[in-house]
Amino acid sequence: ASLFSDKLFDATAKLSVERDVAFAMLHAPDKQDISDLRARLKNSRRDTDAAFGDTAAFIGQYPFPELNALWKNIETRMAGIRTMRGQIDRALALPKNRREKDLAEHWYGAVTGLTTQAQDLWIAFIRHFTGIDPIVTQHLRYKHFLLIISDYTSRERALIGRLLVENADATPGEIGK
């Protein structure tokens, strides 16, 4: 159970890196910035797919029926993410002023939604293990808070990446996010 928990945590961490790199690239004003990040995007996509594949291999080992519906939601959202990757690649071939303006925000929201669904799956999964032992419960709660902190940190990383490639200051609304 701990290994499954770690696999799901790893999958969301890899996904957040992919989100951040693509988000920064979509805001990049010139081809050189995009070129500099292309290898990192390719690697993060590979890592995301591998991590979710590892997680999928473990989910079937547990007889908790509510997990199946949650995992199906994740698979559906992941299929949408894979489709958006093609849209992102096509957009990155265009100059910034010709890119679909809402694509970066749509991408950010889709990946954040997938991360939230993965957190919901994790919470449903660990519910079966929190009553076993106080130490196990404490360990799982610690992981949960670490997961939340990691998600917020990655959201900040995405914003900072966008600000760097745009050479811009954060707006008052972005500071409060």
N, C-alpha and C. Protein backbone atom coordinates (compact mmCIF):
# COMPACT_ATOMS: atom_id res chain seq x y z
N ALA A 1 0.84 -1.20 0.00
CA ALA A 1 0.00 0.00 0.00
C ALA A 1 0.87 1.25 0.00
N SER A 2 1.95 1.19 0.75
CA SER A 2 2.86 2.33 0.80
C SER A 2 3.50 2.55 -0.57
N LEU A 3 3.82 1.47 -1.25
CA LEU A 3 4.42 1.58 -2.59
C LEU A 3 3.43 2.21 -3.57
N PHE A 4 2.17 1.78 -3.52
CA PHE A 4 1.16 2.39 -4.39
C PHE A 4 1.05 3.89 -4.09
N SER A 5 1.01 4.21 -2.82
CA SER A 5 0.93 5.61 -2.41
C SER A 5 2.10 6.41 -2.97
N ASP A 6 3.29 5.84 -2.89
CA ASP A 6 4.48 6.51 -3.42
C ASP A 6 4.41 6.65 -4.94
N LYS A 7 3.90 5.64 -5.62
CA LYS A 7 3.79 5.68 -7.09
C LYS A 7 2.83 6.80 -7.52
N LEU A 8 1.71 6.92 -6.82
CA LEU A 8 0.75 7.95 -7.16
C LEU A 8 1.33 9.33 -6.87
N PHE A 9 2.02 9.46 -5.77
CA PHE A 9 2.69 10.72 -5.42
C PHE A 9 3.71 11.08 -6.50
N ASP A 10 4.49 10.10 -6.94
CA ASP A 10 5.49 10.33 -7.98
C ASP A 10 4.83 10.75 -9.29
N ALA A 11 3.71 10.12 -9.62
CA ALA A 11 3.01 10.45 -10.87
C ALA A 11 2.54 11.91 -10.86
N THR A 12 2.00 12.36 -9.74
CA THR A 12 1.53 13.74 -9.69
C THR A 12 2.71 14.71 -9.71
N ALA A 13 3.82 14.34 -9.11
CA ALA A 13 5.00 15.21 -9.14
C ALA A 13 5.53 15.33 -10.57
N LYS A 14 5.59 14.23 -11.30
CA LYS A 14 6.06 14.26 -12.69
C LYS A 14 5.11 15.08 -13.56
N LEU A 15 3.82 14.91 -13.32
CA LEU A 15 2.82 15.64 -14.07
C LEU A 15 2.95 17.15 -13.82
N SER A 16 3.23 17.53 -12.59
CA SER A 16 3.34 18.96 -12.31
C SER A 16 4.55 19.58 -13.02
N VAL A 17 5.63 18.82 -13.16
CA VAL A 17 6.78 19.33 -13.90
C VAL A 17 6.40 19.51 -15.37
N GLU A 18 5.69 18.54 -15.93
CA GLU A 18 5.24 18.68 -17.32
C GLU A 18 4.34 19.90 -17.47
N ARG A 19 3.42 20.08 -16.52
CA ARG A 19 2.53 21.24 -16.58
C ARG A 19 3.34 22.53 -16.61
N ASP A 20 4.32 22.62 -15.72
CA ASP A 20 5.08 23.85 -15.57
C ASP A 20 5.93 24.16 -16.80
N VAL A 21 6.56 23.15 -17.36
CA VAL A 21 7.41 23.36 -18.53
C VAL A 21 6.56 23.79 -19.73
N ALA A 22 5.48 23.08 -19.97
CA ALA A 22 4.61 23.43 -21.11
C ALA A 22 3.99 24.81 -20.92
N PHE A 23 3.59 25.11 -19.70
CA PHE A 23 2.99 26.41 -19.40
C PHE A 23 3.98 27.53 -19.69
N ALA A 24 5.22 27.36 -19.26
CA ALA A 24 6.24 28.37 -19.53
C ALA A 24 6.49 28.49 -21.03
N MET A 25 6.55 27.36 -21.72
CA MET A 25 6.80 27.39 -23.15
C MET A 25 5.69 28.11 -23.91
N LEU A 26 4.45 27.89 -23.49
CA LEU A 26 3.33 28.54 -24.17
C LEU A 26 3.36 30.06 -23.98
N HIS A 27 4.01 30.51 -22.94
CA HIS A 27 4.14 31.95 -22.70
C HIS A 27 5.46 32.52 -23.23
N ALA A 28 6.33 31.66 -23.71
CA ALA A 28 7.65 32.11 -24.18
C ALA A 28 7.49 32.98 -25.42
N PRO A 29 8.17 34.12 -25.42
CA PRO A 29 8.01 35.04 -26.55
C PRO A 29 8.83 34.69 -27.79
N ASP A 30 9.87 33.88 -27.63
CA ASP A 30 10.69 33.61 -28.82
C ASP A 30 11.04 32.13 -28.92
N LYS A 31 11.45 31.76 -30.12
CA LYS A 31 11.76 30.36 -30.42
C LYS A 31 12.94 29.82 -29.62
N GLN A 32 13.89 30.67 -29.25
CA GLN A 32 15.06 30.22 -28.49
C GLN A 32 14.65 29.70 -27.11
N ASP A 33 13.73 30.41 -26.43
CA ASP A 33 13.24 29.95 -25.13
C ASP A 33 12.54 28.60 -25.28
N ILE A 34 11.75 28.48 -26.33
CA ILE A 34 11.04 27.23 -26.57
C ILE A 34 12.03 26.11 -26.86
N SER A 35 13.01 26.41 -27.68
CA SER A 35 14.02 25.42 -28.03
C SER A 35 14.79 24.95 -26.79
N ASP A 36 15.11 25.89 -25.91
CA ASP A 36 15.85 25.55 -24.69
C ASP A 36 15.07 24.60 -23.78
N LEU A 37 13.74 24.66 -23.82
CA LEU A 37 12.90 23.86 -22.93
C LEU A 37 12.35 22.58 -23.59
N ARG A 38 12.53 22.45 -24.91
CA ARG A 38 11.92 21.32 -25.62
C ARG A 38 12.35 19.95 -25.08
N ALA A 39 13.63 19.76 -24.82
CA ALA A 39 14.10 18.46 -24.31
C ALA A 39 13.50 18.18 -22.93
N ARG A 40 13.39 19.21 -22.12
CA ARG A 40 12.82 19.02 -20.78
C ARG A 40 11.35 18.65 -20.88
N LEU A 41 10.63 19.25 -21.83
CA LEU A 41 9.23 18.89 -22.03
C LEU A 41 9.10 17.43 -22.47
N LYS A 42 9.93 17.03 -23.41
CA LYS A 42 9.89 15.64 -23.90
C LYS A 42 10.17 14.67 -22.75
N ASN A 43 11.18 14.96 -21.95
CA ASN A 43 11.52 14.08 -20.82
C ASN A 43 10.42 14.06 -19.77
N SER A 44 9.82 15.21 -19.51
CA SER A 44 8.76 15.25 -18.49
C SER A 44 7.53 14.49 -18.96
N ARG A 45 7.23 14.54 -20.24
CA ARG A 45 6.10 13.76 -20.77
C ARG A 45 6.37 12.27 -20.62
N ARG A 46 7.57 11.87 -20.98
CA ARG A 46 7.95 10.45 -20.84
C ARG A 46 7.85 10.02 -19.38
N ASP A 47 8.36 10.84 -18.48
CA ASP A 47 8.33 10.52 -17.05
C ASP A 47 6.90 10.46 -16.51
N THR A 48 6.07 11.39 -16.96
CA THR A 48 4.66 11.39 -16.53
C THR A 48 3.97 10.11 -16.97
N ASP A 49 4.11 9.76 -18.25
CA ASP A 49 3.46 8.54 -18.76
C ASP A 49 3.96 7.30 -18.03
N ALA A 50 5.26 7.22 -17.79
CA ALA A 50 5.82 6.06 -17.08
C ALA A 50 5.29 5.99 -15.66
N ALA A 51 5.22 7.12 -14.98
CA ALA A 51 4.76 7.12 -13.58
C ALA A 51 3.28 6.73 -13.49
N PHE A 52 2.46 7.24 -14.40
CA PHE A 52 1.05 6.85 -14.37
C PHE A 52 0.88 5.39 -14.78
N GLY A 53 1.74 4.91 -15.68
CA GLY A 53 1.71 3.49 -16.04
C GLY A 53 2.07 2.60 -14.86
N ASP A 54 3.08 3.01 -14.09
CA ASP A 54 3.45 2.26 -12.88
C ASP A 54 2.30 2.24 -11.88
N THR A 55 1.63 3.38 -11.75
CA THR A 55 0.51 3.46 -10.82
C THR A 55 -0.63 2.55 -11.26
N ALA A 56 -0.91 2.53 -12.55
CA ALA A 56 -1.98 1.68 -13.08
C ALA A 56 -1.72 0.21 -12.80
N ALA A 57 -0.45 -0.17 -12.83
CA ALA A 57 -0.12 -1.57 -12.58
C ALA A 57 -0.44 -1.98 -11.14
N PHE A 58 -0.45 -1.03 -10.23
CA PHE A 58 -0.70 -1.33 -8.81
C PHE A 58 -2.17 -1.25 -8.42
N ILE A 59 -2.95 -0.44 -9.10
CA ILE A 59 -4.32 -0.17 -8.67
C ILE A 59 -5.18 -1.42 -8.67
N GLY A 60 -4.96 -2.32 -9.60
CA GLY A 60 -5.76 -3.54 -9.68
C GLY A 60 -5.48 -4.55 -8.57
N GLN A 61 -4.47 -4.33 -7.79
CA GLN A 61 -4.12 -5.26 -6.72
C GLN A 61 -4.99 -5.10 -5.47
N TYR A 62 -5.82 -4.06 -5.45
CA TYR A 62 -6.60 -3.77 -4.24
C TYR A 62 -8.08 -3.92 -4.53
N PRO A 63 -8.80 -4.59 -3.64
CA PRO A 63 -10.22 -4.90 -3.88
C PRO A 63 -11.17 -3.80 -3.42
N PHE A 64 -10.80 -2.56 -3.57
CA PHE A 64 -11.64 -1.47 -3.11
C PHE A 64 -12.43 -0.93 -4.29
N PRO A 65 -13.72 -1.22 -4.36
CA PRO A 65 -14.51 -0.89 -5.56
C PRO A 65 -14.55 0.60 -5.90
N GLU A 66 -14.51 1.48 -4.90
CA GLU A 66 -14.60 2.92 -5.19
C GLU A 66 -13.38 3.43 -5.94
N LEU A 67 -12.29 2.68 -5.88
CA LEU A 67 -11.07 3.11 -6.57
C LEU A 67 -11.20 2.99 -8.08
N ASN A 68 -11.99 2.02 -8.54
CA ASN A 68 -12.12 1.80 -9.99
C ASN A 68 -12.70 3.03 -10.68
N ALA A 69 -13.77 3.60 -10.12
CA ALA A 69 -14.38 4.77 -10.74
C ALA A 69 -13.42 5.97 -10.70
N LEU A 70 -12.73 6.13 -9.60
CA LEU A 70 -11.76 7.22 -9.49
C LEU A 70 -10.63 7.05 -10.50
N TRP A 71 -10.16 5.82 -10.67
CA TRP A 71 -9.08 5.57 -11.62
C TRP A 71 -9.57 5.80 -13.06
N LYS A 72 -10.80 5.40 -13.36
CA LYS A 72 -11.35 5.64 -14.71
C LYS A 72 -11.40 7.14 -15.00
N ASN A 73 -11.76 7.95 -14.01
CA ASN A 73 -11.75 9.41 -14.19
C ASN A 73 -10.35 9.90 -14.51
N ILE A 74 -9.37 9.35 -13.83
CA ILE A 74 -7.97 9.73 -14.07
C ILE A 74 -7.55 9.33 -15.48
N GLU A 75 -7.91 8.11 -15.89
CA GLU A 75 -7.56 7.67 -17.24
C GLU A 75 -8.20 8.56 -18.30
N THR A 76 -9.46 8.94 -18.08
CA THR A 76 -10.14 9.82 -19.02
C THR A 76 -9.45 11.18 -19.09
N ARG A 77 -9.12 11.73 -17.94
CA ARG A 77 -8.44 13.03 -17.90
C ARG A 77 -7.06 12.91 -18.53
N MET A 78 -6.37 11.80 -18.29
CA MET A 78 -5.03 11.61 -18.86
C MET A 78 -5.11 11.53 -20.39
N ALA A 79 -6.16 10.91 -20.92
CA ALA A 79 -6.34 10.87 -22.38
C ALA A 79 -6.51 12.28 -22.92
N GLY A 80 -7.23 13.13 -22.20
CA GLY A 80 -7.37 14.53 -22.60
C GLY A 80 -6.05 15.27 -22.55
N ILE A 81 -5.23 14.96 -21.56
CA ILE A 81 -3.90 15.57 -21.45
C ILE A 81 -3.06 15.18 -22.66
N ARG A 82 -3.12 13.92 -23.05
CA ARG A 82 -2.34 13.47 -24.20
C ARG A 82 -2.80 14.17 -25.49
N THR A 83 -4.10 14.39 -25.61
CA THR A 83 -4.62 15.13 -26.77
C THR A 83 -4.12 16.57 -26.75
N MET A 84 -4.13 17.17 -25.58
CA MET A 84 -3.68 18.56 -25.48
C MET A 84 -2.19 18.70 -25.79
N ARG A 85 -1.42 17.65 -25.56
CA ARG A 85 0.01 17.70 -25.90
C ARG A 85 0.20 18.03 -27.38
N GLY A 86 -0.61 17.42 -28.23
CA GLY A 86 -0.53 17.71 -29.66
C GLY A 86 -0.89 19.16 -29.96
N GLN A 87 -1.92 19.67 -29.29
CA GLN A 87 -2.30 21.07 -29.46
C GLN A 87 -1.16 21.99 -29.03
N ILE A 88 -0.52 21.63 -27.94
CA ILE A 88 0.60 22.44 -27.44
C ILE A 88 1.75 22.42 -28.44
N ASP A 89 2.08 21.25 -28.96
CA ASP A 89 3.17 21.15 -29.93
C ASP A 89 2.89 22.00 -31.17
N ARG A 90 1.64 21.96 -31.64
CA ARG A 90 1.29 22.78 -32.81
C ARG A 90 1.37 24.27 -32.46
N ALA A 91 0.93 24.63 -31.28
CA ALA A 91 0.98 26.05 -30.87
C ALA A 91 2.41 26.53 -30.74
N LEU A 92 3.29 25.68 -30.24
CA LEU A 92 4.68 26.08 -30.03
C LEU A 92 5.42 26.30 -31.35
N ALA A 93 4.88 25.77 -32.43
CA ALA A 93 5.49 25.99 -33.74
C ALA A 93 5.14 27.38 -34.30
N LEU A 94 4.18 28.05 -33.66
CA LEU A 94 3.73 29.36 -34.12
C LEU A 94 4.39 30.48 -33.31
N PRO A 95 4.44 31.67 -33.87
CA PRO A 95 4.89 32.81 -33.06
C PRO A 95 3.89 33.04 -31.92
N LYS A 96 4.34 33.64 -30.85
CA LYS A 96 3.50 33.81 -29.66
C LYS A 96 2.19 34.52 -29.98
N ASN A 97 2.22 35.54 -30.81
CA ASN A 97 1.01 36.31 -31.10
C ASN A 97 -0.02 35.52 -31.93
N ARG A 98 0.36 34.36 -32.47
CA ARG A 98 -0.57 33.54 -33.26
C ARG A 98 -1.04 32.31 -32.50
N ARG A 99 -0.54 32.13 -31.28
CA ARG A 99 -0.97 30.98 -30.46
C ARG A 99 -2.35 31.25 -29.87
N GLU A 100 -3.11 30.19 -29.71
CA GLU A 100 -4.41 30.31 -29.05
C GLU A 100 -4.19 30.87 -27.64
N LYS A 101 -4.80 31.98 -27.36
CA LYS A 101 -4.55 32.69 -26.10
C LYS A 101 -4.96 31.88 -24.86
N ASP A 102 -6.01 31.12 -24.96
CA ASP A 102 -6.52 30.39 -23.80
C ASP A 102 -5.89 29.02 -23.60
N LEU A 103 -5.04 28.58 -24.53
CA LEU A 103 -4.48 27.23 -24.44
C LEU A 103 -3.65 27.04 -23.17
N ALA A 104 -2.83 27.99 -22.82
CA ALA A 104 -1.98 27.85 -21.63
C ALA A 104 -2.84 27.70 -20.37
N GLU A 105 -3.87 28.53 -20.25
CA GLU A 105 -4.74 28.45 -19.07
C GLU A 105 -5.56 27.17 -19.08
N HIS A 106 -5.99 26.75 -20.26
CA HIS A 106 -6.75 25.49 -20.37
C HIS A 106 -5.85 24.31 -19.96
N TRP A 107 -4.61 24.33 -20.43
CA TRP A 107 -3.64 23.30 -20.08
C TRP A 107 -3.42 23.27 -18.57
N TYR A 108 -3.16 24.43 -18.01
CA TYR A 108 -2.91 24.55 -16.58
C TYR A 108 -4.09 23.99 -15.79
N GLY A 109 -5.30 24.36 -16.17
CA GLY A 109 -6.50 23.88 -15.48
C GLY A 109 -6.71 22.38 -15.64
N ALA A 110 -6.45 21.86 -16.83
CA ALA A 110 -6.63 20.42 -17.06
C ALA A 110 -5.67 19.59 -16.22
N VAL A 111 -4.41 20.02 -16.17
CA VAL A 111 -3.42 19.27 -15.39
C VAL A 111 -3.69 19.42 -13.89
N THR A 112 -4.07 20.61 -13.47
CA THR A 112 -4.40 20.80 -12.06
C THR A 112 -5.61 19.95 -11.68
N GLY A 113 -6.57 19.84 -12.59
CA GLY A 113 -7.73 18.98 -12.35
C GLY A 113 -7.34 17.52 -12.22
N LEU A 114 -6.43 17.07 -13.05
CA LEU A 114 -5.94 15.70 -12.96
C LEU A 114 -5.21 15.47 -11.63
N THR A 115 -4.44 16.44 -11.22
CA THR A 115 -3.74 16.33 -9.94
C THR A 115 -4.74 16.22 -8.80
N THR A 116 -5.80 17.00 -8.86
CA THR A 116 -6.84 16.94 -7.83
C THR A 116 -7.52 15.58 -7.83
N GLN A 117 -7.78 15.03 -9.01
CA GLN A 117 -8.38 13.69 -9.08
C GLN A 117 -7.44 12.64 -8.50
N ALA A 118 -6.15 12.79 -8.75
CA ALA A 118 -5.18 11.84 -8.18
C ALA A 118 -5.16 11.96 -6.66
N GLN A 119 -5.29 13.17 -6.15
CA GLN A 119 -5.35 13.35 -4.70
C GLN A 119 -6.61 12.70 -4.13
N ASP A 120 -7.73 12.83 -4.84
CA ASP A 120 -8.97 12.18 -4.41
C ASP A 120 -8.81 10.66 -4.36
N LEU A 121 -8.15 10.10 -5.37
CA LEU A 121 -7.88 8.67 -5.39
C LEU A 121 -7.00 8.28 -4.21
N TRP A 122 -5.97 9.06 -3.97
CA TRP A 122 -5.05 8.76 -2.87
C TRP A 122 -5.79 8.77 -1.54
N ILE A 123 -6.65 9.76 -1.33
CA ILE A 123 -7.41 9.85 -0.07
C ILE A 123 -8.34 8.66 0.07
N ALA A 124 -9.03 8.28 -1.01
CA ALA A 124 -9.92 7.10 -0.96
C ALA A 124 -9.12 5.83 -0.68
N PHE A 125 -7.93 5.76 -1.23
CA PHE A 125 -7.08 4.59 -1.04
C PHE A 125 -6.59 4.49 0.41
N ILE A 126 -6.02 5.58 0.92
CA ILE A 126 -5.42 5.50 2.26
C ILE A 126 -6.46 5.35 3.36
N ARG A 127 -7.69 5.71 3.07
CA ARG A 127 -8.77 5.55 4.06
C ARG A 127 -8.81 4.12 4.59
N HIS A 128 -8.44 3.17 3.76
CA HIS A 128 -8.48 1.76 4.14
C HIS A 128 -7.33 1.37 5.07
N PHE A 129 -6.37 2.26 5.24
CA PHE A 129 -5.17 1.91 6.00
C PHE A 129 -4.93 2.79 7.22
N THR A 130 -5.72 3.84 7.38
CA THR A 130 -5.45 4.77 8.47
C THR A 130 -5.82 4.24 9.85
N GLY A 131 -6.69 3.27 9.94
CA GLY A 131 -7.07 2.74 11.24
C GLY A 131 -6.22 1.58 11.72
N ILE A 132 -5.23 1.19 10.97
CA ILE A 132 -4.43 0.02 11.30
C ILE A 132 -3.56 0.25 12.52
N ASP A 133 -2.90 1.38 12.52
CA ASP A 133 -1.89 1.64 13.53
C ASP A 133 -1.68 3.16 13.60
N PRO A 134 -1.48 3.71 14.79
CA PRO A 134 -1.28 5.17 14.88
C PRO A 134 -0.05 5.66 14.10
N ILE A 135 0.98 4.86 14.04
CA ILE A 135 2.19 5.26 13.31
C ILE A 135 1.91 5.28 11.81
N VAL A 136 1.19 4.28 11.32
CA VAL A 136 0.82 4.25 9.90
C VAL A 136 -0.05 5.46 9.58
N THR A 137 -1.01 5.73 10.43
CA THR A 137 -1.89 6.88 10.22
C THR A 137 -1.09 8.18 10.19
N GLN A 138 -0.18 8.35 11.12
CA GLN A 138 0.65 9.54 11.15
C GLN A 138 1.49 9.66 9.88
N HIS A 139 2.05 8.54 9.45
CA HIS A 139 2.86 8.53 8.24
C HIS A 139 2.02 8.94 7.02
N LEU A 140 0.82 8.40 6.91
CA LEU A 140 -0.05 8.72 5.78
C LEU A 140 -0.50 10.18 5.81
N ARG A 141 -0.79 10.69 6.98
CA ARG A 141 -1.15 12.11 7.09
C ARG A 141 0.03 12.99 6.69
N TYR A 142 1.21 12.63 7.10
CA TYR A 142 2.41 13.37 6.71
C TYR A 142 2.54 13.39 5.19
N LYS A 143 2.35 12.22 4.56
CA LYS A 143 2.43 12.16 3.10
C LYS A 143 1.37 13.03 2.45
N HIS A 144 0.18 13.05 3.05
CA HIS A 144 -0.90 13.86 2.49
C HIS A 144 -0.52 15.34 2.51
N PHE A 145 -0.01 15.81 3.62
CA PHE A 145 0.39 17.21 3.70
C PHE A 145 1.56 17.50 2.77
N LEU A 146 2.46 16.56 2.64
CA LEU A 146 3.57 16.73 1.71
C LEU A 146 3.06 16.83 0.28
N LEU A 147 2.07 16.04 -0.05
CA LEU A 147 1.46 16.08 -1.38
C LEU A 147 0.82 17.45 -1.64
N ILE A 148 0.12 17.97 -0.66
CA ILE A 148 -0.52 19.28 -0.81
C ILE A 148 0.54 20.38 -0.97
N ILE A 149 1.56 20.34 -0.14
CA ILE A 149 2.63 21.34 -0.23
C ILE A 149 3.32 21.26 -1.58
N SER A 150 3.56 20.05 -2.04
CA SER A 150 4.20 19.85 -3.34
C SER A 150 3.35 20.43 -4.47
N ASP A 151 2.03 20.24 -4.39
CA ASP A 151 1.14 20.77 -5.41
C ASP A 151 1.17 22.30 -5.42
N TYR A 152 1.08 22.91 -4.27
CA TYR A 152 1.12 24.38 -4.22
C TYR A 152 2.47 24.91 -4.69
N THR A 153 3.53 24.23 -4.34
CA THR A 153 4.86 24.64 -4.78
C THR A 153 4.96 24.57 -6.30
N SER A 154 4.40 23.52 -6.88
CA SER A 154 4.48 23.39 -8.33
C SER A 154 3.64 24.46 -9.02
N ARG A 155 2.54 24.87 -8.42
CA ARG A 155 1.75 25.96 -9.00
C ARG A 155 2.55 27.25 -9.00
N GLU A 156 3.27 27.49 -7.91
CA GLU A 156 4.13 28.67 -7.83
C GLU A 156 5.25 28.59 -8.87
N ARG A 157 5.79 27.39 -9.05
CA ARG A 157 6.87 27.19 -10.02
C ARG A 157 6.37 27.50 -11.43
N ALA A 158 5.12 27.13 -11.73
CA ALA A 158 4.55 27.43 -13.04
C ALA A 158 4.43 28.93 -13.25
N LEU A 159 3.96 29.62 -12.25
CA LEU A 159 3.82 31.07 -12.35
C LEU A 159 5.18 31.73 -12.52
N ILE A 160 6.15 31.32 -11.74
CA ILE A 160 7.49 31.89 -11.83
C ILE A 160 8.10 31.61 -13.20
N GLY A 161 7.92 30.40 -13.71
CA GLY A 161 8.43 30.06 -15.04
C GLY A 161 7.83 30.96 -16.11
N ARG A 162 6.51 31.19 -16.01
CA ARG A 162 5.85 32.07 -16.98
C ARG A 162 6.39 33.49 -16.87
N LEU A 163 6.55 33.97 -15.66
CA LEU A 163 7.05 35.33 -15.46
C LEU A 163 8.48 35.48 -16.01
N LEU A 164 9.28 34.44 -15.83
CA LEU A 164 10.65 34.49 -16.33
C LEU A 164 10.71 34.56 -17.84
N VAL A 165 9.95 33.70 -18.52
CA VAL A 165 10.02 33.71 -19.98
C VAL A 165 9.38 34.95 -20.57
N GLU A 166 8.43 35.55 -19.86
CA GLU A 166 7.81 36.79 -20.35
C GLU A 166 8.57 38.02 -19.87
N ASN A 167 9.52 37.83 -18.96
CA ASN A 167 10.25 38.95 -18.36
C ASN A 167 9.25 39.97 -17.81
N ALA A 168 8.30 39.47 -17.00
CA ALA A 168 7.21 40.28 -16.49
C ALA A 168 7.12 40.21 -14.98
N ASP A 169 6.37 41.13 -14.41
CA ASP A 169 6.08 41.11 -12.97
C ASP A 169 4.73 40.43 -12.77
N ALA A 170 4.57 39.86 -11.60
CA ALA A 170 3.29 39.24 -11.26
C ALA A 170 2.24 40.33 -11.06
N THR A 171 1.02 40.02 -11.47
CA THR A 171 -0.09 40.95 -11.26
C THR A 171 -0.55 40.81 -9.81
N PRO A 172 -1.29 41.78 -9.28
CA PRO A 172 -1.79 41.65 -7.91
C PRO A 172 -2.64 40.39 -7.71
N GLY A 173 -3.41 40.00 -8.72
CA GLY A 173 -4.21 38.77 -8.63
C GLY A 173 -3.36 37.53 -8.57
N GLU A 174 -2.23 37.51 -9.26
CA GLU A 174 -1.35 36.34 -9.24
C GLU A 174 -0.60 36.22 -7.92
N ILE A 175 -0.33 37.33 -7.29
CA ILE A 175 0.38 37.31 -6.01
C ILE A 175 -0.47 36.63 -4.96
N GLY A 176 -1.76 36.80 -5.00
CA GLY A 176 -2.64 36.22 -4.00
C GLY A 176 -3.05 34.79 -4.24
N LYS A 177 -2.70 34.23 -5.39
CA LYS A 177 -3.12 32.85 -5.73
C LYS A 177 -2.49 31.85 -4.81
